Amino acid sequence: MGLGARLFVRLLMLFGPAFRRFGLIRDQIHFLGNYSLAIIAVSGLFVGFVFGLQGYYTLQRYGSSEALGLLVTLTLVRELGPVVTALLFAGRAGTSLTAEIGLMKAGEQISVMEMMAVDPVQRVLAPRFWAGVIVMPLLAAVFSATGIIGGWVVGVLMIGVDSGSFWSQIQGGVDVWKDVGNGLIKSVVFGFTVTFVALLQGFEAQATPEGVSKATTRTVVMASLAVLGLDFILTAMMFSL
């Protein structure tokens, strides 16, 4: 825990030096974000499909089927968007980061950098860390947007809910600061958490194939549990304010 805390503080302090070489961060944004975009968008679309169906049949019991758009949007923006995006990001990008750093350590590339007086934390970890923090809110926004579109397709095109009611309920019921803002805060916190866990596990992995494989597994498990635990804490704090 002490080693992780020191590494986290050091990564935060390397904010300026990392962004002075923005090309490294840009490459990692492309690697982490662009290659995760397809699974995020497709998953968001199908989650929207499911919530469109489930929400309609639930609201229909109370004669409130016109509020389907509001239900789908609030569910995605507040909770499912940031949480599911973080879980998918941990499984797709987090494992890639851990395996990449672990293989660099197994191939003694990290040791070579240290022998050449190159700081591996600044050169390797910091650009990946800040790229993950930047990418996570963008991916969460894509997930929520595609999920809303999926709910519209099912609710309006397939079931027959009025399109004007669908969108007007969203415009009137979603608060930018309270709902969208809370989801944005969650996605940023999850970006810090998932990316840091992935980098820490890769940086501390044993320099063997078995060690890299165990570190990759630990990344998924620890990042997923951390996301779910932090989601409860953040939700409790946000609703108490």
C-alpha atoms as a PDB file:
ATOM      1  CA  MET A   1       0.000   0.000   0.000  1.00  0.00           C
ATOM      2  CA  GLY A   2       2.866   2.343   0.772  1.00  0.00           C
ATOM      3  CA  LEU A   3       4.500   1.637  -2.583  1.00  0.00           C
ATOM      4  CA  GLY A   4       1.198   2.211  -4.386  1.00  0.00           C
ATOM      5  CA  ALA A   5       0.588   5.489  -2.532  1.00  0.00           C
ATOM      6  CA  ARG A   6       4.064   6.783  -3.360  1.00  0.00           C
ATOM      7  CA  LEU A   7       3.673   5.829  -7.023  1.00  0.00           C
ATOM      8  CA  PHE A   8       0.267   7.502  -7.209  1.00  0.00           C
ATOM      9  CA  VAL A   9       1.588  10.746  -5.721  1.00  0.00           C
ATOM     10  CA  ARG A  10       4.523  10.666  -8.089  1.00  0.00           C
ATOM     11  CA  LEU A  11       2.251  10.219 -11.094  1.00  0.00           C
ATOM     12  CA  LEU A  12       0.202  13.204  -9.975  1.00  0.00           C
ATOM     13  CA  MET A  13       3.350  15.306  -9.607  1.00  0.00           C
ATOM     14  CA  LEU A  14       4.411  14.342 -13.145  1.00  0.00           C
ATOM     15  CA  PHE A  15       1.357  16.069 -14.626  1.00  0.00           C
ATOM     16  CA  GLY A  16       3.400  18.961 -16.028  1.00  0.00           C
ATOM     17  CA  PRO A  17       6.364  16.966 -17.392  1.00  0.00           C
ATOM     18  CA  ALA A  18       4.016  14.419 -18.987  1.00  0.00           C
ATOM     19  CA  PHE A  19       1.998  17.054 -20.860  1.00  0.00           C
ATOM     20  CA  ARG A  20       5.143  18.800 -22.073  1.00  0.00           C
ATOM     21  CA  ARG A  21       5.624  15.700 -24.224  1.00  0.00           C
ATOM     22  CA  PHE A  22       2.012  15.509 -25.305  1.00  0.00           C
ATOM     23  CA  GLY A  23       2.836  13.263 -28.259  1.00  0.00           C
ATOM     24  CA  LEU A  24       3.325  10.356 -25.867  1.00  0.00           C
ATOM     25  CA  ILE A  25      -0.064  10.986 -24.258  1.00  0.00           C
ATOM     26  CA  ARG A  26      -1.692  11.397 -27.672  1.00  0.00           C
ATOM     27  CA  ASP A  27      -0.432   7.988 -28.782  1.00  0.00           C
ATOM     28  CA  GLN A  28      -1.775   6.369 -25.631  1.00  0.00           C
ATOM     29  CA  ILE A  29      -5.137   8.122 -26.009  1.00  0.00           C
ATOM     30  CA  HIS A  30      -5.372   6.557 -29.455  1.00  0.00           C
ATOM     31  CA  PHE A  31      -4.316   3.155 -28.121  1.00  0.00           C
ATOM     32  CA  LEU A  32      -6.620   3.142 -25.098  1.00  0.00           C
ATOM     33  CA  GLY A  33      -9.575   5.083 -26.486  1.00  0.00           C
ATOM     34  CA  ASN A  34      -9.805   4.287 -30.160  1.00  0.00           C
ATOM     35  CA  TYR A  35      -9.329   0.550 -29.691  1.00  0.00           C
ATOM     36  CA  SER A  36     -11.916   0.482 -26.876  1.00  0.00           C
ATOM     37  CA  LEU A  37     -14.480   2.551 -28.760  1.00  0.00           C
ATOM     38  CA  ALA A  38     -16.149  -0.324 -30.624  1.00  0.00           C
ATOM     39  CA  ILE A  39     -16.878  -2.478 -27.568  1.00  0.00           C
ATOM     40  CA  ILE A  40     -18.043   0.564 -25.580  1.00  0.00           C
ATOM     41  CA  ALA A  41     -20.429   1.749 -28.297  1.00  0.00           C
ATOM     42  CA  VAL A  42     -21.867  -1.693 -29.039  1.00  0.00           C
ATOM     43  CA  SER A  43     -22.293  -2.487 -25.337  1.00  0.00           C
ATOM     44  CA  GLY A  44     -24.013   0.855 -24.725  1.00  0.00           C
ATOM     45  CA  LEU A  45     -26.388   0.255 -27.630  1.00  0.00           C
ATOM     46  CA  PHE A  46     -27.478  -3.157 -26.374  1.00  0.00           C
ATOM     47  CA  VAL A  47     -27.798  -1.932 -22.791  1.00  0.00           C
ATOM     48  CA  GLY A  48     -30.094   0.774 -24.156  1.00  0.00           C
ATOM     49  CA  PHE A  49     -32.118  -1.875 -25.987  1.00  0.00           C
ATOM     50  CA  VAL A  50     -32.581  -3.867 -22.792  1.00  0.00           C
ATOM     51  CA  PHE A  51     -33.490  -0.863 -20.662  1.00  0.00           C
ATOM     52  CA  GLY A  52     -35.916   0.318 -23.311  1.00  0.00           C
ATOM     53  CA  LEU A  53     -37.785  -2.984 -23.092  1.00  0.00           C
ATOM     54  CA  GLN A  54     -37.584  -3.430 -19.329  1.00  0.00           C
ATOM     55  CA  GLY A  55     -38.390   0.199 -18.611  1.00  0.00           C
ATOM     56  CA  TYR A  56     -41.418   0.270 -20.891  1.00  0.00           C
ATOM     57  CA  TYR A  57     -43.056  -2.822 -19.405  1.00  0.00           C
ATOM     58  CA  THR A  58     -42.383  -1.544 -15.880  1.00  0.00           C
ATOM     59  CA  LEU A  59     -43.684   1.987 -16.514  1.00  0.00           C
ATOM     60  CA  GLN A  60     -46.699   0.678 -18.412  1.00  0.00           C
ATOM     61  CA  ARG A  61     -48.082  -0.781 -15.186  1.00  0.00           C
ATOM     62  CA  TYR A  62     -48.374   2.731 -13.764  1.00  0.00           C
ATOM     63  CA  GLY A  63     -49.454   4.456 -16.980  1.00  0.00           C
ATOM     64  CA  SER A  64     -46.176   6.338 -17.270  1.00  0.00           C
ATOM     65  CA  SER A  65     -44.721   4.886 -20.449  1.00  0.00           C
ATOM     66  CA  GLU A  66     -44.048   8.423 -21.744  1.00  0.00           C
ATOM     67  CA  ALA A  67     -41.321   8.737 -19.092  1.00  0.00           C
ATOM     68  CA  LEU A  68     -39.304   5.955 -20.744  1.00  0.00           C
ATOM     69  CA  GLY A  69     -36.715   8.373 -22.120  1.00  0.00           C
ATOM     70  CA  LEU A  70     -36.147   9.925 -18.702  1.00  0.00           C
ATOM     71  CA  LEU A  71     -35.757   6.522 -17.045  1.00  0.00           C
ATOM     72  CA  VAL A  72     -33.240   5.281 -19.607  1.00  0.00           C
ATOM     73  CA  THR A  73     -31.244   8.524 -19.575  1.00  0.00           C
ATOM     74  CA  LEU A  74     -30.992   8.884 -15.799  1.00  0.00           C
ATOM     75  CA  THR A  75     -30.030   5.236 -15.388  1.00  0.00           C
ATOM     76  CA  LEU A  76     -27.269   5.516 -17.967  1.00  0.00           C
ATOM     77  CA  VAL A  77     -25.938   8.956 -17.083  1.00  0.00           C
ATOM     78  CA  ARG A  78     -25.945   8.504 -13.327  1.00  0.00           C
ATOM     79  CA  GLU A  79     -24.905   4.880 -12.898  1.00  0.00           C
ATOM     80  CA  LEU A  80     -24.562   2.451 -15.763  1.00  0.00           C
ATOM     81  CA  GLY A  81     -22.612   4.712 -18.094  1.00  0.00           C
ATOM     82  CA  PRO A  82     -19.611   5.339 -15.802  1.00  0.00           C
ATOM     83  CA  VAL A  83     -19.708   1.925 -14.074  1.00  0.00           C
ATOM     84  CA  VAL A  84     -20.066  -0.367 -17.095  1.00  0.00           C
ATOM     85  CA  THR A  85     -17.583   1.733 -19.070  1.00  0.00           C
ATOM     86  CA  ALA A  86     -15.045   1.383 -16.257  1.00  0.00           C
ATOM     87  CA  LEU A  87     -15.561  -2.382 -16.083  1.00  0.00           C
ATOM     88  CA  LEU A  88     -15.186  -2.749 -19.844  1.00  0.00           C
ATOM     89  CA  PHE A  89     -12.175  -0.432 -19.795  1.00  0.00           C
ATOM     90  CA  ALA A  90     -10.556  -2.565 -17.114  1.00  0.00           C
ATOM     91  CA  GLY A  91     -11.100  -5.717 -19.162  1.00  0.00           C
ATOM     92  CA  ARG A  92      -9.993  -4.221 -22.483  1.00  0.00           C
ATOM     93  CA  ALA A  93      -7.448  -1.450 -21.865  1.00  0.00           C
ATOM     94  CA  GLY A  94      -6.421  -2.234 -18.278  1.00  0.00           C
ATOM     95  CA  THR A  95      -5.236  -5.724 -19.123  1.00  0.00           C
ATOM     96  CA  SER A  96      -3.354  -4.380 -22.146  1.00  0.00           C
ATOM     97  CA  LEU A  97      -1.536  -1.851 -19.958  1.00  0.00           C
ATOM     98  CA  THR A  98      -0.625  -4.452 -17.363  1.00  0.00           C
ATOM     99  CA  ALA A  99       0.599  -6.947 -19.944  1.00  0.00           C
ATOM    100  CA  GLU A 100       2.582  -4.280 -21.799  1.00  0.00           C
ATOM    101  CA  ILE A 101       4.343  -2.972 -18.692  1.00  0.00           C
ATOM    102  CA  GLY A 102       4.861  -6.498 -17.365  1.00  0.00           C
ATOM    103  CA  LEU A 103       6.442  -7.670 -20.619  1.00  0.00           C
ATOM    104  CA  MET A 104       8.682  -4.608 -20.654  1.00  0.00           C
ATOM    105  CA  LYS A 105       9.828  -5.567 -17.187  1.00  0.00           C
ATOM    106  CA  ALA A 106      10.274  -9.229 -18.138  1.00  0.00           C
ATOM    107  CA  GLY A 107      12.297  -8.181 -21.180  1.00  0.00           C
ATOM    108  CA  GLU A 108      14.449  -5.967 -18.919  1.00  0.00           C
ATOM    109  CA  GLN A 109      13.498  -2.821 -20.831  1.00  0.00           C
ATOM    110  CA  ILE A 110      12.652  -1.096 -17.550  1.00  0.00           C
ATOM    111  CA  SER A 111      16.104  -1.981 -16.163  1.00  0.00           C
ATOM    112  CA  VAL A 112      17.770  -0.701 -19.341  1.00  0.00           C
ATOM    113  CA  MET A 113      15.967   2.643 -18.985  1.00  0.00           C
ATOM    114  CA  GLU A 114      17.160   2.966 -15.389  1.00  0.00           C
ATOM    115  CA  MET A 115      20.742   2.164 -16.431  1.00  0.00           C
ATOM    116  CA  MET A 116      20.511   4.889 -19.107  1.00  0.00           C
ATOM    117  CA  ALA A 117      19.296   7.405 -16.477  1.00  0.00           C
ATOM    118  CA  VAL A 118      15.800   7.471 -18.007  1.00  0.00           C
ATOM    119  CA  ASP A 119      13.014   7.561 -15.435  1.00  0.00           C
ATOM    120  CA  PRO A 120      10.596   4.737 -16.424  1.00  0.00           C
ATOM    121  CA  VAL A 121       7.803   6.253 -14.345  1.00  0.00           C
ATOM    122  CA  GLN A 122       8.000   9.536 -16.249  1.00  0.00           C
ATOM    123  CA  ARG A 123       8.685   8.003 -19.655  1.00  0.00           C
ATOM    124  CA  VAL A 124       6.401   4.944 -19.566  1.00  0.00           C
ATOM    125  CA  LEU A 125       3.831   5.149 -16.762  1.00  0.00           C
ATOM    126  CA  ALA A 126       2.871   8.843 -16.646  1.00  0.00           C
ATOM    127  CA  PRO A 127       1.720   9.177 -20.301  1.00  0.00           C
ATOM    128  CA  ARG A 128      -0.408   6.048 -19.973  1.00  0.00           C
ATOM    129  CA  PHE A 129      -1.828   7.184 -16.648  1.00  0.00           C
ATOM    130  CA  TRP A 130      -2.986  10.604 -17.849  1.00  0.00           C
ATOM    131  CA  ALA A 131      -4.231   9.161 -21.150  1.00  0.00           C
ATOM    132  CA  GLY A 132      -6.478   6.770 -19.213  1.00  0.00           C
ATOM    133  CA  VAL A 133      -7.822   9.624 -17.087  1.00  0.00           C
ATOM    134  CA  ILE A 134      -8.665  11.630 -20.229  1.00  0.00           C
ATOM    135  CA  VAL A 135     -10.179   8.722 -22.143  1.00  0.00           C
ATOM    136  CA  MET A 136     -12.516   7.361 -19.470  1.00  0.00           C
ATOM    137  CA  PRO A 137     -15.025  10.290 -19.380  1.00  0.00           C
ATOM    138  CA  LEU A 138     -15.119  10.364 -23.185  1.00  0.00           C
ATOM    139  CA  LEU A 139     -15.868   6.651 -23.387  1.00  0.00           C
ATOM    140  CA  ALA A 140     -18.523   6.971 -20.666  1.00  0.00           C
ATOM    141  CA  ALA A 141     -20.188   9.748 -22.679  1.00  0.00           C
ATOM    142  CA  VAL A 142     -20.172   7.541 -25.786  1.00  0.00           C
ATOM    143  CA  PHE A 143     -21.672   4.656 -23.791  1.00  0.00           C
ATOM    144  CA  SER A 144     -24.474   6.834 -22.407  1.00  0.00           C
ATOM    145  CA  ALA A 145     -25.203   8.437 -25.792  1.00  0.00           C
ATOM    146  CA  THR A 146     -25.431   5.129 -27.638  1.00  0.00           C
ATOM    147  CA  GLY A 147     -27.521   3.702 -24.785  1.00  0.00           C
ATOM    148  CA  ILE A 148     -30.029   6.554 -25.107  1.00  0.00           C
ATOM    149  CA  ILE A 149     -30.201   5.953 -28.847  1.00  0.00           C
ATOM    150  CA  GLY A 150     -30.793   2.262 -28.174  1.00  0.00           C
ATOM    151  CA  GLY A 151     -33.628   3.097 -25.780  1.00  0.00           C
ATOM    152  CA  TRP A 152     -35.132   5.412 -28.411  1.00  0.00           C
ATOM    153  CA  VAL A 153     -34.959   2.717 -31.092  1.00  0.00           C
ATOM    154  CA  VAL A 154     -36.760   0.181 -28.902  1.00  0.00           C
ATOM    155  CA  GLY A 155     -39.221   2.572 -27.277  1.00  0.00           C
ATOM    156  CA  VAL A 156     -40.173   4.743 -30.259  1.00  0.00           C
ATOM    157  CA  LEU A 157     -39.509   2.686 -33.368  1.00  0.00           C
ATOM    158  CA  MET A 158     -40.372  -0.785 -32.079  1.00  0.00           C
ATOM    159  CA  ILE A 159     -42.929  -0.274 -29.295  1.00  0.00           C
ATOM    160  CA  GLY A 160     -44.532   2.982 -30.414  1.00  0.00           C
ATOM    161  CA  VAL A 161     -43.864   5.468 -27.613  1.00  0.00           C
ATOM    162  CA  ASP A 162     -44.352   9.042 -28.806  1.00  0.00           C
ATOM    163  CA  SER A 163     -41.030  10.477 -29.938  1.00  0.00           C
ATOM    164  CA  GLY A 164     -41.839  13.993 -28.709  1.00  0.00           C
ATOM    165  CA  SER A 165     -42.670  12.709 -25.224  1.00  0.00           C
ATOM    166  CA  PHE A 166     -39.511  10.620 -25.181  1.00  0.00           C
ATOM    167  CA  TRP A 167     -37.201  13.579 -25.828  1.00  0.00           C
ATOM    168  CA  SER A 168     -39.195  16.209 -23.908  1.00  0.00           C
ATOM    169  CA  GLN A 169     -39.086  14.086 -20.758  1.00  0.00           C
ATOM    170  CA  ILE A 170     -35.301  13.930 -21.098  1.00  0.00           C
ATOM    171  CA  GLN A 171     -34.977  17.689 -21.628  1.00  0.00           C
ATOM    172  CA  GLY A 172     -37.239  18.511 -18.708  1.00  0.00           C
ATOM    173  CA  GLY A 173     -36.052  15.911 -16.213  1.00  0.00           C
ATOM    174  CA  VAL A 174     -32.275  15.678 -16.602  1.00  0.00           C
ATOM    175  CA  ASP A 175     -30.272  18.255 -14.669  1.00  0.00           C
ATOM    176  CA  VAL A 176     -26.917  19.089 -16.227  1.00  0.00           C
ATOM    177  CA  TRP A 177     -25.035  19.657 -12.981  1.00  0.00           C
ATOM    178  CA  LYS A 178     -26.748  17.152 -10.712  1.00  0.00           C
ATOM    179  CA  ASP A 179     -27.113  14.223 -13.112  1.00  0.00           C
ATOM    180  CA  VAL A 180     -24.600  14.674 -15.916  1.00  0.00           C
ATOM    181  CA  GLY A 181     -22.082  16.313 -13.573  1.00  0.00           C
ATOM    182  CA  ASN A 182     -22.247  13.473 -11.064  1.00  0.00           C
ATOM    183  CA  GLY A 183     -21.734  10.933 -13.831  1.00  0.00           C
ATOM    184  CA  LEU A 184     -18.746  12.919 -15.096  1.00  0.00           C
ATOM    185  CA  ILE A 185     -17.176  12.986 -11.634  1.00  0.00           C
ATOM    186  CA  LYS A 186     -17.647   9.232 -11.324  1.00  0.00           C
ATOM    187  CA  SER A 187     -16.052   8.548 -14.699  1.00  0.00           C
ATOM    188  CA  VAL A 188     -13.020  10.688 -13.846  1.00  0.00           C
ATOM    189  CA  VAL A 189     -12.560   8.920 -10.502  1.00  0.00           C
ATOM    190  CA  PHE A 190     -12.907   5.530 -12.205  1.00  0.00           C
ATOM    191  CA  GLY A 191     -10.361   6.627 -14.808  1.00  0.00           C
ATOM    192  CA  PHE A 192      -7.825   7.377 -12.082  1.00  0.00           C
ATOM    193  CA  THR A 193      -8.591   4.101 -10.319  1.00  0.00           C
ATOM    194  CA  VAL A 194      -8.601   1.627 -13.208  1.00  0.00           C
ATOM    195  CA  THR A 195      -5.561   3.094 -14.960  1.00  0.00           C
ATOM    196  CA  PHE A 196      -3.521   3.276 -11.769  1.00  0.00           C
ATOM    197  CA  VAL A 197      -4.370  -0.298 -10.746  1.00  0.00           C
ATOM    198  CA  ALA A 198      -3.370  -1.556 -14.199  1.00  0.00           C
ATOM    199  CA  LEU A 199      -0.058   0.317 -14.186  1.00  0.00           C
ATOM    200  CA  LEU A 200       0.791  -0.671 -10.613  1.00  0.00           C
ATOM    201  CA  GLN A 201       0.160  -4.354 -11.260  1.00  0.00           C
ATOM    202  CA  GLY A 202       2.244  -4.280 -14.420  1.00  0.00           C
ATOM    203  CA  PHE A 203       5.076  -2.337 -12.799  1.00  0.00           C
ATOM    204  CA  GLU A 204       5.226  -4.714  -9.844  1.00  0.00           C
ATOM    205  CA  ALA A 205       4.675  -7.958 -11.789  1.00  0.00           C
ATOM    206  CA  GLN A 206       7.236 -10.722 -11.517  1.00  0.00           C
ATOM    207  CA  ALA A 207       9.493 -10.812 -14.567  1.00  0.00           C
ATOM    208  CA  THR A 208       8.187 -14.183 -15.748  1.00  0.00           C
ATOM    209  CA  PRO A 209       5.333 -15.219 -18.070  1.00  0.00           C
ATOM    210  CA  GLU A 210       3.449 -16.611 -15.086  1.00  0.00           C
ATOM    211  CA  GLY A 211       3.987 -13.378 -13.155  1.00  0.00           C
ATOM    212  CA  VAL A 212       2.649 -11.259 -16.012  1.00  0.00           C
ATOM    213  CA  SER A 213      -0.385 -13.510 -16.377  1.00  0.00           C
ATOM    214  CA  LYS A 214      -1.182 -13.280 -12.632  1.00  0.00           C
ATOM    215  CA  ALA A 215      -0.745  -9.506 -12.707  1.00  0.00           C
ATOM    216  CA  THR A 216      -3.186  -9.240 -15.608  1.00  0.00           C
ATOM    217  CA  THR A 217      -5.760 -11.290 -13.690  1.00  0.00           C
ATOM    218  CA  ARG A 218      -5.260  -9.168 -10.569  1.00  0.00           C
ATOM    219  CA  THR A 219      -5.843  -6.031 -12.619  1.00  0.00           C
ATOM    220  CA  VAL A 220      -9.318  -7.120 -13.699  1.00  0.00           C
ATOM    221  CA  VAL A 221     -10.320  -8.342 -10.237  1.00  0.00           C
ATOM    222  CA  MET A 222      -8.957  -5.414  -8.234  1.00  0.00           C
ATOM    223  CA  ALA A 223     -10.086  -2.727 -10.677  1.00  0.00           C
ATOM    224  CA  SER A 224     -13.614  -4.163 -10.890  1.00  0.00           C
ATOM    225  CA  LEU A 225     -13.984  -4.382  -7.113  1.00  0.00           C
ATOM    226  CA  ALA A 226     -12.565  -0.889  -6.679  1.00  0.00           C
ATOM    227  CA  VAL A 227     -15.002   0.542  -9.232  1.00  0.00           C
ATOM    228  CA  LEU A 228     -18.034  -1.066  -7.596  1.00  0.00           C
ATOM    229  CA  GLY A 229     -16.943   0.006  -4.115  1.00  0.00           C
ATOM    230  CA  LEU A 230     -16.199   3.575  -5.178  1.00  0.00           C
ATOM    231  CA  ASP A 231     -19.522   3.747  -7.018  1.00  0.00           C
ATOM    232  CA  PHE A 232     -21.386   3.072  -3.781  1.00  0.00           C
ATOM    233  CA  ILE A 233     -19.320   5.632  -1.864  1.00  0.00           C
ATOM    234  CA  LEU A 234     -19.682   8.325  -4.526  1.00  0.00           C
ATOM    235  CA  THR A 235     -23.413   7.708  -4.933  1.00  0.00           C
ATOM    236  CA  ALA A 236     -23.956   7.961  -1.164  1.00  0.00           C
ATOM    237  CA  MET A 237     -21.962  11.204  -1.024  1.00  0.00           C
ATOM    238  CA  MET A 238     -23.727  12.749  -4.034  1.00  0.00           C
ATOM    239  CA  PHE A 239     -27.241  12.003  -2.774  1.00  0.00           C
ATOM    240  CA  SER A 240     -26.410  13.296   0.709  1.00  0.00           C
ATOM    241  CA  LEU A 241     -25.322  16.709  -0.588  1.00  0.00           C
END
